[in-house]
Structures are given as structure tokens and as C-alpha cells.
Amino acid sequence: MGKASRDKGLRRERAIVDLHVKCGIRAERVPLSGAVRYRGNGADVDLYVRGAEPLKAEVKARGEGGGFRTLERWLGANDLLFLWRDRATPLVVLPLHVWLELAGRSARPEAGPSVDAAP
């Protein structure tokens, strides 16, 4: 991989982290994009939306969107796209704004009735 490609990937990973942090969601870029298996993690970004254990995220960027256009067309105006190949675990594709809404709900528990409140 050339320097320009590495730099582009690094910029995209940092942008994903920044977007999450601005939305109040803890996110960290994994050093060296997971190449050294930092903390046993080979992902690009850790997203903390469900407690102490992060969701591990991979970030892919393509200049012309090669391979992404078909997914975008299938998704259309919908919120989610399920991809289900025979004998494989289904995948879910969703727009960033939908993800941020869901992740934000998970990262910030809604205030419910207090357990200590007297009836």
C-alpha cells in the first residue's frame, strides 16, 4: 500500500472517531489500524456503545465508490439493508445518521424512574 493510500485511510479513521466523539460517543482509533493487534484487536476503530467492551469497526474508503454503489442503490431511501448469503451470517448496512442515532441511544442510557424513589 502506498503512502497516499495509508494517509487517506488514516484520515477516514480519524474522521469516523471525530464524528462519534462530537455526538457524545466514546471512540478510539486503534494504533496502526490494528496491524499490531493492539489489545488483541485487529480493527481500525473501537466504538464504546455498550459498556466496557467496544464494538470493533473496520473503515473502508474508495475514491470512486467501487463496490459501494450497488449497496447504496439497494438501500435506497430505507434505513437498513440486510445482506444474507446462504450459509453465512447476515450483514446489516445502514447510513451513518441512522447508526449515530442508534449508537447514541445505547451510549447514553435514558433517564428512567429511580430505583430509590418512594411510591
Protein backbone atom coordinates (compact mmCIF):
# COMPACT_ATOMS: atom_id res chain seq x y z
CA MET A 1 0.00 0.00 0.00
CA GLY A 2 1.36 3.41 -0.95
CA LYS A 3 1.77 6.41 1.33
CA ALA A 4 -1.19 8.25 -0.24
CA SER A 5 -3.49 5.27 0.43
CA ARG A 6 -2.26 4.93 4.01
CA ASP A 7 -2.74 8.64 4.62
CA LYS A 8 -6.25 8.55 3.17
CA GLY A 9 -7.18 5.59 5.37
CA LEU A 10 -5.79 7.34 8.43
CA ARG A 11 -7.81 10.50 7.64
CA ARG A 12 -11.00 8.46 7.24
CA GLU A 13 -10.41 6.57 10.51
CA ARG A 14 -9.80 9.83 12.37
CA ALA A 15 -12.93 11.36 10.80
CA ILE A 16 -15.05 8.41 11.99
CA VAL A 17 -13.65 8.81 15.52
CA ASP A 18 -14.25 12.59 15.44
CA LEU A 19 -17.86 12.18 14.26
CA HIS A 20 -18.62 9.83 17.13
CA VAL A 21 -16.89 11.98 19.75
CA LYS A 22 -18.83 15.06 18.56
CA CYS A 23 -22.03 13.05 19.07
CA GLY A 24 -21.01 12.16 22.63
CA ILE A 25 -19.99 8.59 21.79
CA ARG A 26 -16.59 7.39 23.01
CA ALA A 27 -14.48 6.26 20.07
CA GLU A 28 -10.79 5.50 19.64
CA ARG A 29 -8.62 4.78 16.64
CA VAL A 30 -6.72 1.52 17.07
CA PRO A 31 -2.96 2.16 16.71
CA LEU A 32 -1.57 1.19 13.30
CA SER A 33 -5.09 0.30 12.15
CA GLY A 34 -4.95 -2.92 14.14
CA ALA A 35 -1.87 -4.23 12.33
CA VAL A 36 -0.08 -4.97 15.61
CA ARG A 37 -3.25 -6.44 17.22
CA TYR A 38 -3.25 -3.77 19.97
CA ARG A 39 -5.10 -5.25 22.96
CA GLY A 40 -5.82 -8.26 20.74
CA ASN A 41 -7.75 -6.04 18.37
CA GLY A 42 -7.24 -6.09 14.59
CA ALA A 43 -9.90 -3.47 13.80
CA ASP A 44 -9.47 0.18 12.78
CA VAL A 45 -11.71 1.89 15.35
CA ASP A 46 -13.19 0.96 18.74
CA LEU A 47 -16.68 2.30 19.48
CA TYR A 48 -17.91 2.22 23.08
CA VAL A 49 -21.69 1.99 22.81
CA ARG A 50 -22.40 -0.96 25.07
CA GLY A 51 -20.36 -0.74 28.23
CA ALA A 52 -16.69 -1.56 28.71
CA GLU A 53 -16.27 -3.83 25.68
CA PRO A 54 -16.04 -1.83 22.44
CA LEU A 55 -17.61 -2.65 19.12
CA LYS A 56 -14.74 -3.18 16.71
CA ALA A 57 -15.15 -1.30 13.44
CA GLU A 58 -13.39 -1.58 10.10
CA VAL A 59 -13.20 1.53 7.89
CA LYS A 60 -13.03 1.26 4.09
CA ALA A 61 -12.70 4.19 1.70
CA ARG A 62 -12.85 4.18 -2.10
CA GLY A 63 -12.40 7.23 -4.30
CA GLU A 64 -14.98 6.28 -6.89
CA GLY A 65 -17.04 4.16 -4.52
CA GLY A 66 -16.16 0.92 -6.30
CA GLY A 67 -18.24 -1.84 -4.75
CA PHE A 68 -20.34 0.63 -2.73
CA ARG A 69 -22.72 1.88 -5.42
CA THR A 70 -24.72 -1.32 -5.63
CA LEU A 71 -25.19 -1.32 -1.86
CA GLU A 72 -26.30 2.32 -1.96
CA ARG A 73 -28.78 1.55 -4.75
CA TRP A 74 -30.21 -1.44 -2.85
CA LEU A 75 -30.51 0.63 0.34
CA GLY A 76 -32.32 3.40 -1.50
CA ALA A 77 -34.33 5.59 0.89
CA ASN A 78 -34.56 2.85 3.52
CA ASP A 79 -32.92 2.91 6.95
CA LEU A 80 -31.33 -0.55 6.79
CA LEU A 81 -30.16 -3.08 4.24
CA PHE A 82 -29.80 -6.73 5.27
CA LEU A 83 -27.39 -8.80 3.19
CA TRP A 84 -27.96 -12.51 3.61
CA ARG A 85 -25.78 -15.03 1.78
CA ASP A 86 -26.60 -18.76 2.03
CA ARG A 87 -24.90 -20.47 4.96
CA ALA A 88 -23.42 -17.18 6.25
CA THR A 89 -24.21 -14.69 8.96
CA PRO A 90 -26.34 -11.82 7.64
CA LEU A 91 -24.81 -8.36 7.44
CA VAL A 92 -26.51 -5.01 8.05
CA VAL A 93 -25.72 -1.83 6.11
CA LEU A 94 -27.11 1.47 7.35
CA PRO A 95 -26.49 5.17 6.73
CA LEU A 96 -24.24 6.99 9.18
CA HIS A 97 -27.07 9.15 10.57
CA VAL A 98 -29.09 6.04 11.48
CA TRP A 99 -26.05 4.43 13.12
CA LEU A 100 -25.27 7.58 15.15
CA GLU A 101 -28.87 7.73 16.40
CA LEU A 102 -28.80 4.08 17.49
CA ALA A 103 -25.30 4.28 18.97
CA GLY A 104 -26.16 7.49 20.81
CA ARG A 105 -29.18 5.82 22.43
CA SER A 106 -27.01 2.92 23.58
CA ALA A 107 -24.14 5.08 24.84
CA ARG A 108 -26.40 7.40 26.86
CA PRO A 109 -28.99 5.44 28.84
CA GLU A 110 -32.29 7.25 29.03
CA ALA A 111 -33.24 8.54 32.44
CA GLY A 112 -35.83 6.21 33.84
CA PRO A 113 -37.56 6.06 37.20
CA SER A 114 -35.18 5.98 40.12
CA VAL A 115 -34.89 2.66 41.97
CA ASP A 116 -34.64 4.57 45.26
CA ALA A 117 -37.77 6.62 44.64
CA ALA A 118 -40.54 6.02 47.15
CA PRO A 119 -44.05 5.43 45.74
